[in-house]
Amino acid sequence: MTILRRLVVVLLLGGLAGCTFPELRSPTPRPTPSPTAAVTRTPSPSPSPTASVEPTPDFGAVPSFGAGEIILTAIDGLRARQRPGESGSTIAPLLPLGAELQVVMGPIPVGEFGWYLVTDVGRADLEFEEAWIAAGFEPEPFLRSSGRVAERTPSIAAFALTGDAEYGPIEIADEDHAIRWMATDPEGVRCRFGVQMTPASGEPVTAIRATIGDDVVPGTLQPSFFAAQPDLRGQVFLTVESDCAWTLVVTRVPPPEDPSPAPDDD
C-alpha cells in the first residue's frame, strides 16, 4: 500500500472515531389493552305480589254478657242457629233489629265470631226456644245489653274462657242441678276439657272429663251426678282444667212432674 493510501485510511478511521452516534433505544412496547369485561346487568326482580293476610278476629272485643241478662239485637237480619258457627243450621227467620233475647251461656269462639246461647224470653214471635247467635265485635257488635236482667232464670252461674280457670263459691242447694257446657279446640285438632267440683270443706270430685276433636262438642252433666254426690251442697268451688275454648252454665233443673194420677175425690 502506498503512503498516500495509508494516509487516507488513517484519516477515515480517525473521522469515524470522532463521530458520536446516539444510543439506539429499543422502543418501549405499548401495553396491549386488556379486553374490558362486559358488565352484565342483573335485572331487578319484579316484586312478587304479597298474599293478602286475613285479619285475625279479636275475640277480646266480643261483647260480654252474663247469664240471665236481657240483650237486644243491634242489627237487622241476624241469624239464629242450632249450633255455634256459620255452618250451623238456621232455625228461625232472620231476627229483626231490637229483638229481645236472654243469655244462657257464652261466648265461645267458633270461626270468625264469638257465639252466645240465648233463649227467646218466652215470646212466641221469635219461633225458637234456644239458639246460638253471633255477637260481633265492639265498637259495632251485633248484640247489645238492655241493662236488664231476667227476674226469674234457672241459670245460677255461667263462665267462658280458653284454658284453665277457677270459680266460686257457687251455691248448690240440692240435687236438682245440672251443668251444660260446650267446648272446641281453637286449633281444630284436639284438646281436653275437665271440670272438678270441690265443697268448701272436702275433697275435689271429678265432674266432667272429655277429649274434644276438631268439632264443637256439647255436653250436659245431669242431676243424677249431684244426687250421687251429697257432699256437693252449699258453697262449692269449680275448677276447669282445659286447653279448649269453652263455656258452661250451672243451672237449676225443675224436678220431673209426678206422673201418678191425682187422687179421686169421690
Protein backbone atom coordinates (compact mmCIF):
# COMPACT_ATOMS: atom_id res chain seq x y z
CA MET A 1 0.00 0.00 0.00
CA THR A 2 1.34 3.46 -0.89
CA ILE A 3 1.96 6.18 1.61
CA LEU A 4 -0.91 8.21 0.18
CA ARG A 5 -3.38 5.36 0.61
CA ARG A 6 -2.36 4.75 4.18
CA LEU A 7 -2.86 8.40 4.93
CA VAL A 8 -6.37 8.33 3.54
CA VAL A 9 -7.27 5.22 5.56
CA VAL A 10 -5.90 6.78 8.72
CA LEU A 11 -7.90 9.95 8.13
CA LEU A 12 -11.09 7.95 7.55
CA LEU A 13 -10.66 5.88 10.70
CA GLY A 14 -9.94 8.95 12.77
CA GLY A 15 -13.01 10.69 11.45
CA LEU A 16 -15.17 7.78 12.25
CA ALA A 17 -13.74 7.54 15.76
CA GLY A 18 -14.57 11.22 16.39
CA CYS A 19 -18.23 10.87 15.44
CA THR A 20 -20.64 10.05 18.34
CA PHE A 21 -23.75 8.08 17.35
CA PRO A 22 -26.78 8.33 19.55
CA GLU A 23 -27.53 5.23 21.60
CA LEU A 24 -30.08 3.10 19.98
CA ARG A 25 -33.11 2.76 22.19
CA SER A 26 -35.33 -0.20 21.99
CA PRO A 27 -38.85 1.04 21.52
CA THR A 28 -40.88 0.70 24.70
CA PRO A 29 -43.65 -1.70 23.90
CA ARG A 30 -47.07 -0.25 24.41
CA PRO A 31 -49.17 -2.32 26.75
CA THR A 32 -51.70 -4.31 24.95
CA PRO A 33 -55.04 -3.10 26.21
CA SER A 34 -56.78 -5.76 28.20
CA PRO A 35 -60.22 -6.52 26.90
CA THR A 36 -62.78 -4.88 29.13
CA ALA A 37 -65.07 -7.44 30.64
CA ALA A 38 -68.62 -6.86 29.61
CA VAL A 39 -70.73 -5.89 32.60
CA THR A 40 -73.85 -7.98 32.75
CA ARG A 41 -76.62 -6.11 34.44
CA THR A 42 -78.79 -8.31 36.62
CA PRO A 43 -82.35 -7.24 36.11
CA SER A 44 -84.08 -6.23 39.33
CA PRO A 45 -86.60 -8.92 40.23
CA SER A 46 -90.18 -7.91 39.73
CA PRO A 47 -91.83 -7.60 43.12
CA SER A 48 -93.94 -10.66 43.86
CA PRO A 49 -97.50 -9.86 44.79
CA THR A 50 -97.92 -10.10 48.56
CA ALA A 51 -100.62 -12.51 49.60
CA SER A 52 -103.34 -10.70 51.45
CA VAL A 53 -103.46 -11.79 55.11
CA GLU A 54 -106.87 -12.19 56.63
CA PRO A 55 -107.12 -10.24 59.90
CA THR A 56 -107.26 -12.43 63.00
CA PRO A 57 -110.56 -11.97 64.82
CA ASP A 58 -110.06 -10.06 68.07
CA PHE A 59 -112.09 -12.17 70.48
CA GLY A 60 -111.17 -9.73 73.23
CA ALA A 61 -113.60 -7.33 71.55
CA VAL A 62 -116.58 -9.70 71.79
CA PRO A 63 -119.24 -8.02 73.98
CA SER A 64 -119.55 -9.56 77.44
CA PHE A 65 -122.94 -10.58 78.85
CA GLY A 66 -123.88 -12.56 81.95
CA ALA A 67 -126.28 -15.47 82.33
CA GLY A 68 -129.86 -14.23 82.59
CA GLU A 69 -129.04 -10.83 81.07
CA ILE A 70 -131.56 -9.42 78.60
CA ILE A 71 -129.85 -8.36 75.36
CA LEU A 72 -131.05 -6.80 72.11
CA THR A 73 -130.10 -7.41 68.50
CA ALA A 74 -128.16 -4.38 67.25
CA ILE A 75 -128.54 -5.17 63.52
CA ASP A 76 -131.40 -6.23 61.32
CA GLY A 77 -131.38 -9.74 59.85
CA LEU A 78 -129.31 -11.63 62.45
CA ARG A 79 -129.45 -15.42 62.13
CA ALA A 80 -130.37 -17.81 64.95
CA ARG A 81 -128.53 -21.11 64.57
CA GLN A 82 -128.83 -24.59 66.00
CA ARG A 83 -125.14 -24.66 66.99
CA PRO A 84 -122.35 -22.07 67.15
CA GLY A 85 -120.61 -21.38 63.85
CA GLU A 86 -121.68 -20.16 60.43
CA SER A 87 -122.18 -23.77 59.32
CA GLY A 88 -124.90 -24.26 61.93
CA SER A 89 -128.40 -24.68 60.59
CA THR A 90 -130.67 -21.64 60.75
CA ILE A 91 -133.61 -22.50 63.00
CA ALA A 92 -135.76 -19.37 62.73
CA PRO A 93 -136.45 -16.46 60.42
CA LEU A 94 -133.91 -13.64 60.45
CA LEU A 95 -134.12 -11.68 63.68
CA PRO A 96 -135.22 -8.06 63.40
CA LEU A 97 -133.42 -5.09 64.90
CA GLY A 98 -134.19 -4.73 68.62
CA ALA A 99 -135.31 -8.34 69.23
CA GLU A 100 -135.13 -9.23 72.94
CA LEU A 101 -133.10 -12.29 73.95
CA GLN A 102 -131.99 -13.78 77.26
CA VAL A 103 -128.43 -15.07 77.66
CA VAL A 104 -127.99 -18.70 78.71
CA MET A 105 -124.19 -19.05 78.30
CA GLY A 106 -121.24 -17.93 76.21
CA PRO A 107 -119.43 -16.60 74.40
CA ILE A 108 -117.49 -19.36 72.67
CA PRO A 109 -115.24 -18.59 69.68
CA VAL A 110 -116.13 -20.59 66.58
CA GLY A 111 -114.91 -19.49 63.16
CA GLU A 112 -114.73 -15.72 62.90
CA PHE A 113 -117.15 -14.86 65.72
CA GLY A 114 -117.96 -15.36 69.38
CA TRP A 115 -121.34 -17.02 69.96
CA TYR A 116 -123.94 -16.85 72.74
CA LEU A 117 -126.63 -19.39 73.55
CA VAL A 118 -129.83 -17.39 74.07
CA THR A 119 -133.48 -18.04 74.77
CA ASP A 120 -136.44 -16.21 73.33
CA VAL A 121 -137.65 -14.73 76.65
CA GLY A 122 -140.94 -16.56 76.17
CA ARG A 123 -142.00 -14.54 73.13
CA ALA A 124 -143.64 -16.86 70.60
CA ASP A 125 -142.99 -14.50 67.69
CA LEU A 126 -139.27 -15.43 67.68
CA GLU A 127 -140.19 -19.06 66.91
CA PHE A 128 -137.45 -20.76 68.91
CA GLU A 129 -136.74 -21.72 72.50
CA GLU A 130 -132.94 -21.60 72.31
CA ALA A 131 -130.45 -20.64 69.61
CA TRP A 132 -126.83 -19.64 69.09
CA ILE A 133 -126.28 -16.03 67.98
CA ALA A 134 -123.08 -14.38 66.69
CA ALA A 135 -122.19 -11.43 68.95
CA GLY A 136 -119.94 -9.42 66.59
CA PHE A 137 -117.21 -7.13 67.94
CA GLU A 138 -117.02 -3.80 69.69
CA PRO A 139 -117.46 -0.97 68.79
CA GLU A 140 -120.14 -2.22 66.37
CA PRO A 141 -121.42 -5.51 67.85
CA PHE A 142 -124.40 -7.49 66.64
CA LEU A 143 -125.78 -7.68 70.20
CA ARG A 144 -126.04 -5.05 72.93
CA SER A 145 -127.15 -5.03 76.54
CA SER A 146 -130.57 -3.79 77.54
CA GLY A 147 -129.33 -3.03 81.04
CA ARG A 148 -131.82 -5.53 82.48
CA VAL A 149 -131.57 -8.99 83.99
CA ALA A 150 -134.39 -11.53 83.91
CA GLU A 151 -136.31 -11.64 87.17
CA ARG A 152 -136.58 -15.41 87.02
CA THR A 153 -133.89 -17.54 85.41
CA PRO A 154 -132.70 -21.09 86.07
CA SER A 155 -129.08 -20.05 85.45
CA ILE A 156 -127.02 -19.85 88.64
CA ALA A 157 -123.61 -19.06 87.18
CA ALA A 158 -122.11 -19.06 83.67
CA PHE A 159 -118.46 -18.86 82.61
CA ALA A 160 -116.46 -18.81 79.37
CA LEU A 161 -112.72 -18.88 78.70
CA THR A 162 -109.90 -20.55 76.79
CA GLY A 163 -107.68 -22.57 79.14
CA ASP A 164 -107.69 -23.28 82.89
CA ALA A 165 -109.87 -21.41 85.38
CA GLU A 166 -111.19 -21.45 88.95
CA TYR A 167 -114.53 -20.06 90.13
CA GLY A 168 -116.61 -19.95 93.25
CA PRO A 169 -118.17 -20.23 95.58
CA ILE A 170 -121.31 -21.38 93.77
CA GLU A 171 -124.39 -22.22 95.82
CA ILE A 172 -125.68 -25.76 95.22
CA ALA A 173 -128.79 -26.18 97.33
CA ASP A 174 -129.89 -29.67 96.33
CA GLU A 175 -129.58 -32.34 93.67
CA ASP A 176 -131.81 -30.55 91.16
CA HIS A 177 -128.88 -29.01 89.29
CA ALA A 178 -127.07 -29.60 86.03
CA ILE A 179 -124.05 -28.23 84.17
CA ARG A 180 -124.43 -27.53 80.45
CA TRP A 181 -121.23 -27.00 78.52
CA MET A 182 -119.77 -26.51 75.05
CA ALA A 183 -116.10 -26.89 74.06
CA THR A 184 -113.98 -26.64 70.92
CA ASP A 185 -110.29 -26.71 70.01
CA PRO A 186 -109.22 -23.28 68.66
CA GLU A 187 -106.58 -25.05 66.54
CA GLY A 188 -109.11 -27.52 65.17
CA VAL A 189 -107.05 -30.56 66.19
CA ARG A 190 -107.66 -31.97 69.69
CA CYS A 191 -107.99 -30.58 73.21
CA ARG A 192 -109.02 -31.73 76.68
CA PHE A 193 -111.84 -30.43 78.85
CA GLY A 194 -112.18 -31.34 82.52
CA VAL A 195 -114.21 -29.95 85.42
CA GLN A 196 -113.79 -30.62 89.14
CA MET A 197 -116.12 -29.51 91.91
CA THR A 198 -114.93 -29.05 95.48
CA PRO A 199 -117.13 -28.41 98.54
CA ALA A 200 -115.96 -25.72 100.96
CA SER A 201 -114.70 -28.43 103.29
CA GLY A 202 -113.96 -31.57 101.34
CA GLU A 203 -112.08 -33.23 98.53
CA PRO A 204 -112.45 -32.35 94.82
CA VAL A 205 -114.80 -34.50 92.77
CA THR A 206 -114.30 -35.04 89.04
CA ALA A 207 -117.47 -33.92 87.30
CA ILE A 208 -116.57 -33.78 83.59
CA ARG A 209 -113.72 -35.30 81.60
CA ALA A 210 -113.78 -35.13 77.81
CA THR A 211 -111.47 -35.12 74.80
CA ILE A 212 -112.55 -32.71 72.08
CA GLY A 213 -111.66 -33.38 68.44
CA ASP A 214 -111.92 -30.99 65.50
CA ASP A 215 -115.57 -30.09 66.08
CA VAL A 216 -117.73 -28.17 68.55
CA VAL A 217 -118.83 -30.59 71.28
CA PRO A 218 -121.78 -30.02 73.66
CA GLY A 219 -122.50 -31.86 76.86
CA THR A 220 -124.67 -31.93 79.98
CA LEU A 221 -123.80 -33.08 83.49
CA GLN A 222 -127.15 -34.46 84.60
CA PRO A 223 -128.85 -34.05 88.02
CA SER A 224 -128.08 -37.71 88.70
CA PHE A 225 -124.44 -36.66 89.27
CA PHE A 226 -125.46 -34.27 92.06
CA ALA A 227 -127.80 -36.87 93.51
CA ALA A 228 -124.82 -39.25 93.78
CA GLN A 229 -122.62 -36.57 95.39
CA PRO A 230 -124.40 -35.41 98.56
CA ASP A 231 -121.22 -33.66 99.73
CA LEU A 232 -121.59 -31.15 96.89
CA ARG A 233 -124.01 -28.94 98.78
CA GLY A 234 -123.77 -25.38 99.97
CA GLN A 235 -120.76 -23.39 98.73
CA VAL A 236 -118.93 -25.29 96.01
CA PHE A 237 -115.83 -24.27 94.03
CA LEU A 238 -115.49 -25.13 90.36
CA THR A 239 -112.15 -25.78 88.65
CA VAL A 240 -111.70 -26.13 84.89
CA GLU A 241 -108.59 -27.85 83.52
CA SER A 242 -108.58 -27.41 79.78
CA ASP A 243 -106.70 -26.22 76.70
CA CYS A 244 -110.01 -25.83 74.84
CA ALA A 245 -112.17 -22.80 74.28
CA TRP A 246 -115.24 -23.49 76.36
CA THR A 247 -118.35 -22.15 78.02
CA LEU A 248 -120.58 -23.64 80.74
CA VAL A 249 -123.56 -22.77 82.88
CA VAL A 250 -124.63 -24.18 86.23
CA THR A 251 -128.40 -24.29 86.17
CA ARG A 252 -131.32 -25.41 88.26
CA VAL A 253 -133.43 -28.18 86.77
CA PRO A 254 -137.09 -28.37 87.73
CA PRO A 255 -137.90 -31.74 89.25
CA PRO A 256 -139.86 -34.06 86.97
CA GLU A 257 -143.58 -33.90 87.28
CA ASP A 258 -145.20 -36.67 89.27
CA PRO A 259 -146.81 -38.97 86.68
CA SER A 260 -149.14 -40.59 89.22
CA PRO A 261 -152.79 -39.70 88.69
CA ALA A 262 -154.44 -37.26 91.01
CA PRO A 263 -156.47 -38.91 93.77
CA ASP A 264 -160.13 -39.38 93.03
CA ASP A 265 -162.25 -37.08 95.14
CA ASP A 266 -165.15 -39.49 95.00
